Each structure stands twice: as structure tokens, then as C-alpha cells.
Amino acid sequence: MSLQDDPLIIQIKLFINDEIAKIANSLANGSAGSFDDYKKQCGRIQGLRQSLAIVDDAIELYVNDEDDDEI
């Protein structure tokens, strides 16, 4: 089983993606009361997407580090 398939990693990514979807759906339904609120919510989505990228990068570094230890 690869680290990407680890139940904890899957759950973390699921939580983050669910939060992104909630914010996006809220925006699509016109929840932003002002342009500033819209920008703030878009910033939250951007931050959550960066979180996903950080998780993926950390996994890659961890896997590559383990591969280097085996040589």
C-alpha cells in the first residue's frame, strides 16, 4: 500500500476537499455579501488547495527519503 492510499491521508484530503466544496457551493449560491467577502472566501479556497499540495509534497519527500535509505 502506498502512502497516498493510507486511510489517514485519504481522510485528511477528503476533509479538505469537502471544505473547498462547501465554500464553492456557498459562493455559487450568492452567499458573499460584498466583494471583500467574496475575495476572503476565494482566499480560503486557495489556502485549502495549497494545503492539499503541501500534503502531496510531504508524502513525496517522505517516500523519496525512504527510497534513498534503501540504497
N, C-alpha and C. Protein backbone atom coordinates (compact mmCIF):
# COMPACT_ATOMS: atom_id res chain seq x y z
N MET A 1 0.85 -1.18 0.00
CA MET A 1 0.00 0.00 0.00
C MET A 1 0.89 1.24 0.00
N SER A 2 0.62 2.15 -0.91
CA SER A 2 1.39 3.38 -0.94
C SER A 2 0.87 4.34 0.13
N LEU A 3 1.69 5.29 0.46
CA LEU A 3 1.30 6.27 1.47
C LEU A 3 0.08 7.08 1.01
N GLN A 4 -0.05 7.30 -0.30
CA GLN A 4 -1.22 8.01 -0.84
C GLN A 4 -2.51 7.26 -0.53
N ASP A 5 -2.42 5.94 -0.36
CA ASP A 5 -3.60 5.12 -0.09
C ASP A 5 -3.85 4.91 1.40
N ASP A 6 -3.03 5.52 2.24
CA ASP A 6 -3.20 5.40 3.68
C ASP A 6 -4.54 6.01 4.09
N PRO A 7 -5.32 5.31 4.92
CA PRO A 7 -6.64 5.83 5.31
C PRO A 7 -6.60 7.22 5.95
N LEU A 8 -5.56 7.51 6.72
CA LEU A 8 -5.46 8.84 7.34
C LEU A 8 -5.26 9.92 6.28
N ILE A 9 -4.39 9.67 5.33
CA ILE A 9 -4.13 10.65 4.26
C ILE A 9 -5.39 10.85 3.44
N ILE A 10 -6.07 9.77 3.11
CA ILE A 10 -7.32 9.86 2.35
C ILE A 10 -8.33 10.69 3.11
N GLN A 11 -8.46 10.48 4.42
CA GLN A 11 -9.44 11.21 5.22
C GLN A 11 -9.09 12.69 5.30
N ILE A 12 -7.82 13.00 5.48
CA ILE A 12 -7.39 14.40 5.53
C ILE A 12 -7.75 15.11 4.23
N LYS A 13 -7.41 14.48 3.11
CA LYS A 13 -7.71 15.08 1.81
C LYS A 13 -9.22 15.21 1.60
N LEU A 14 -9.97 14.24 2.06
CA LEU A 14 -11.43 14.29 1.94
C LEU A 14 -11.99 15.47 2.72
N PHE A 15 -11.52 15.67 3.96
CA PHE A 15 -11.97 16.81 4.75
C PHE A 15 -11.66 18.13 4.06
N ILE A 16 -10.46 18.25 3.54
CA ILE A 16 -10.07 19.49 2.86
C ILE A 16 -10.91 19.72 1.62
N ASN A 17 -11.08 18.68 0.81
CA ASN A 17 -11.88 18.81 -0.40
C ASN A 17 -13.34 19.11 -0.09
N ASP A 18 -13.87 18.53 0.98
CA ASP A 18 -15.25 18.83 1.38
C ASP A 18 -15.40 20.29 1.78
N GLU A 19 -14.42 20.82 2.48
CA GLU A 19 -14.48 22.23 2.88
C GLU A 19 -14.40 23.14 1.66
N ILE A 20 -13.56 22.79 0.70
CA ILE A 20 -13.48 23.56 -0.55
C ILE A 20 -14.84 23.55 -1.24
N ALA A 21 -15.46 22.38 -1.31
CA ALA A 21 -16.76 22.26 -1.98
C ALA A 21 -17.83 23.08 -1.25
N LYS A 22 -17.82 23.07 0.07
CA LYS A 22 -18.80 23.86 0.83
C LYS A 22 -18.66 25.34 0.53
N ILE A 23 -17.43 25.83 0.54
CA ILE A 23 -17.20 27.24 0.27
C ILE A 23 -17.61 27.58 -1.15
N ALA A 24 -17.21 26.75 -2.11
CA ALA A 24 -17.54 27.00 -3.52
C ALA A 24 -19.05 26.99 -3.74
N ASN A 25 -19.74 26.03 -3.13
CA ASN A 25 -21.20 25.98 -3.27
C ASN A 25 -21.86 27.19 -2.64
N SER A 26 -21.36 27.60 -1.51
CA SER A 26 -21.88 28.78 -0.84
C SER A 26 -21.71 30.01 -1.73
N LEU A 27 -20.55 30.16 -2.32
CA LEU A 27 -20.32 31.29 -3.22
C LEU A 27 -21.22 31.21 -4.45
N ALA A 28 -21.40 30.01 -4.97
CA ALA A 28 -22.25 29.83 -6.15
C ALA A 28 -23.70 30.19 -5.84
N ASN A 29 -24.09 30.05 -4.58
CA ASN A 29 -25.45 30.39 -4.18
C ASN A 29 -25.59 31.84 -3.74
N GLY A 30 -24.55 32.63 -3.96
CA GLY A 30 -24.62 34.06 -3.71
C GLY A 30 -24.44 34.47 -2.25
N SER A 31 -23.72 33.70 -1.49
CA SER A 31 -23.56 33.99 -0.06
C SER A 31 -22.67 35.19 0.23
N ALA A 32 -21.82 35.55 -0.70
CA ALA A 32 -20.91 36.67 -0.45
C ALA A 32 -21.71 37.97 -0.43
N GLY A 33 -21.67 38.65 0.70
CA GLY A 33 -22.43 39.89 0.83
C GLY A 33 -21.76 41.08 0.19
N SER A 34 -20.46 40.95 -0.06
CA SER A 34 -19.70 42.03 -0.65
C SER A 34 -18.54 41.44 -1.44
N PHE A 35 -17.91 42.31 -2.20
CA PHE A 35 -16.75 41.85 -2.95
C PHE A 35 -15.62 41.45 -2.01
N ASP A 36 -15.48 42.17 -0.89
CA ASP A 36 -14.46 41.81 0.09
C ASP A 36 -14.72 40.42 0.66
N ASP A 37 -15.98 40.10 0.95
CA ASP A 37 -16.33 38.77 1.46
C ASP A 37 -16.04 37.70 0.40
N TYR A 38 -16.34 38.01 -0.85
CA TYR A 38 -16.04 37.10 -1.95
C TYR A 38 -14.55 36.81 -2.03
N LYS A 39 -13.74 37.88 -1.95
CA LYS A 39 -12.28 37.71 -2.01
C LYS A 39 -11.79 36.87 -0.83
N LYS A 40 -12.36 37.08 0.34
CA LYS A 40 -11.96 36.33 1.52
C LYS A 40 -12.26 34.84 1.34
N GLN A 41 -13.43 34.53 0.82
CA GLN A 41 -13.79 33.13 0.61
C GLN A 41 -12.93 32.49 -0.47
N CYS A 42 -12.63 33.25 -1.50
CA CYS A 42 -11.72 32.73 -2.54
C CYS A 42 -10.34 32.48 -1.96
N GLY A 43 -9.90 33.34 -1.06
CA GLY A 43 -8.61 33.14 -0.38
C GLY A 43 -8.62 31.88 0.47
N ARG A 44 -9.75 31.60 1.11
CA ARG A 44 -9.84 30.35 1.88
C ARG A 44 -9.70 29.14 0.98
N ILE A 45 -10.36 29.19 -0.18
CA ILE A 45 -10.25 28.08 -1.14
C ILE A 45 -8.80 27.93 -1.59
N GLN A 46 -8.17 29.04 -1.90
CA GLN A 46 -6.77 28.99 -2.34
C GLN A 46 -5.89 28.39 -1.24
N GLY A 47 -6.10 28.79 -0.01
CA GLY A 47 -5.32 28.25 1.10
C GLY A 47 -5.53 26.76 1.29
N LEU A 48 -6.77 26.32 1.16
CA LEU A 48 -7.06 24.89 1.29
C LEU A 48 -6.42 24.09 0.16
N ARG A 49 -6.44 24.65 -1.04
CA ARG A 49 -5.77 23.97 -2.17
C ARG A 49 -4.27 23.89 -1.95
N GLN A 50 -3.70 24.93 -1.35
CA GLN A 50 -2.28 24.89 -1.02
C GLN A 50 -2.02 23.81 0.03
N SER A 51 -2.95 23.64 0.95
CA SER A 51 -2.83 22.58 1.95
C SER A 51 -2.76 21.21 1.30
N LEU A 52 -3.60 20.99 0.30
CA LEU A 52 -3.56 19.71 -0.42
C LEU A 52 -2.21 19.52 -1.10
N ALA A 53 -1.69 20.58 -1.69
CA ALA A 53 -0.39 20.49 -2.37
C ALA A 53 0.72 20.21 -1.35
N ILE A 54 0.63 20.80 -0.17
CA ILE A 54 1.63 20.57 0.86
C ILE A 54 1.60 19.12 1.33
N VAL A 55 0.41 18.57 1.49
CA VAL A 55 0.29 17.16 1.88
C VAL A 55 0.94 16.27 0.81
N ASP A 56 0.63 16.54 -0.45
CA ASP A 56 1.22 15.74 -1.53
C ASP A 56 2.74 15.89 -1.57
N ASP A 57 3.23 17.11 -1.39
CA ASP A 57 4.69 17.33 -1.39
C ASP A 57 5.35 16.61 -0.23
N ALA A 58 4.72 16.65 0.95
CA ALA A 58 5.28 15.98 2.12
C ALA A 58 5.34 14.47 1.91
N ILE A 59 4.31 13.92 1.31
CA ILE A 59 4.29 12.48 1.02
C ILE A 59 5.42 12.13 0.05
N GLU A 60 5.55 12.94 -0.98
CA GLU A 60 6.61 12.69 -1.98
C GLU A 60 7.99 12.74 -1.33
N LEU A 61 8.23 13.73 -0.49
CA LEU A 61 9.53 13.84 0.18
C LEU A 61 9.77 12.64 1.09
N TYR A 62 8.74 12.22 1.80
CA TYR A 62 8.85 11.09 2.70
C TYR A 62 9.15 9.81 1.93
N VAL A 63 8.44 9.59 0.84
CA VAL A 63 8.63 8.38 0.04
C VAL A 63 10.02 8.39 -0.59
N ASN A 64 10.43 9.54 -1.13
CA ASN A 64 11.75 9.63 -1.75
C ASN A 64 12.85 9.45 -0.72
N ASP A 65 12.63 9.96 0.50
CA ASP A 65 13.62 9.80 1.56
C ASP A 65 13.75 8.32 1.95
N GLU A 66 12.62 7.62 2.01
CA GLU A 66 12.66 6.18 2.31
C GLU A 66 13.38 5.41 1.20
N ASP A 67 13.15 5.81 -0.06
CA ASP A 67 13.82 5.16 -1.18
C ASP A 67 15.33 5.35 -1.08
N ASP A 68 15.77 6.54 -0.69
CA ASP A 68 17.20 6.82 -0.56
C ASP A 68 17.82 5.98 0.55
N ASP A 69 17.06 5.71 1.62
CA ASP A 69 17.57 4.91 2.74
C ASP A 69 17.78 3.46 2.36
N GLU A 70 17.06 2.99 1.34
CA GLU A 70 17.15 1.59 0.94
C GLU A 70 18.37 1.29 0.09
N ILE A 71 18.99 2.31 -0.47
CA ILE A 71 20.13 2.12 -1.37
C ILE A 71 21.37 1.81 -0.60
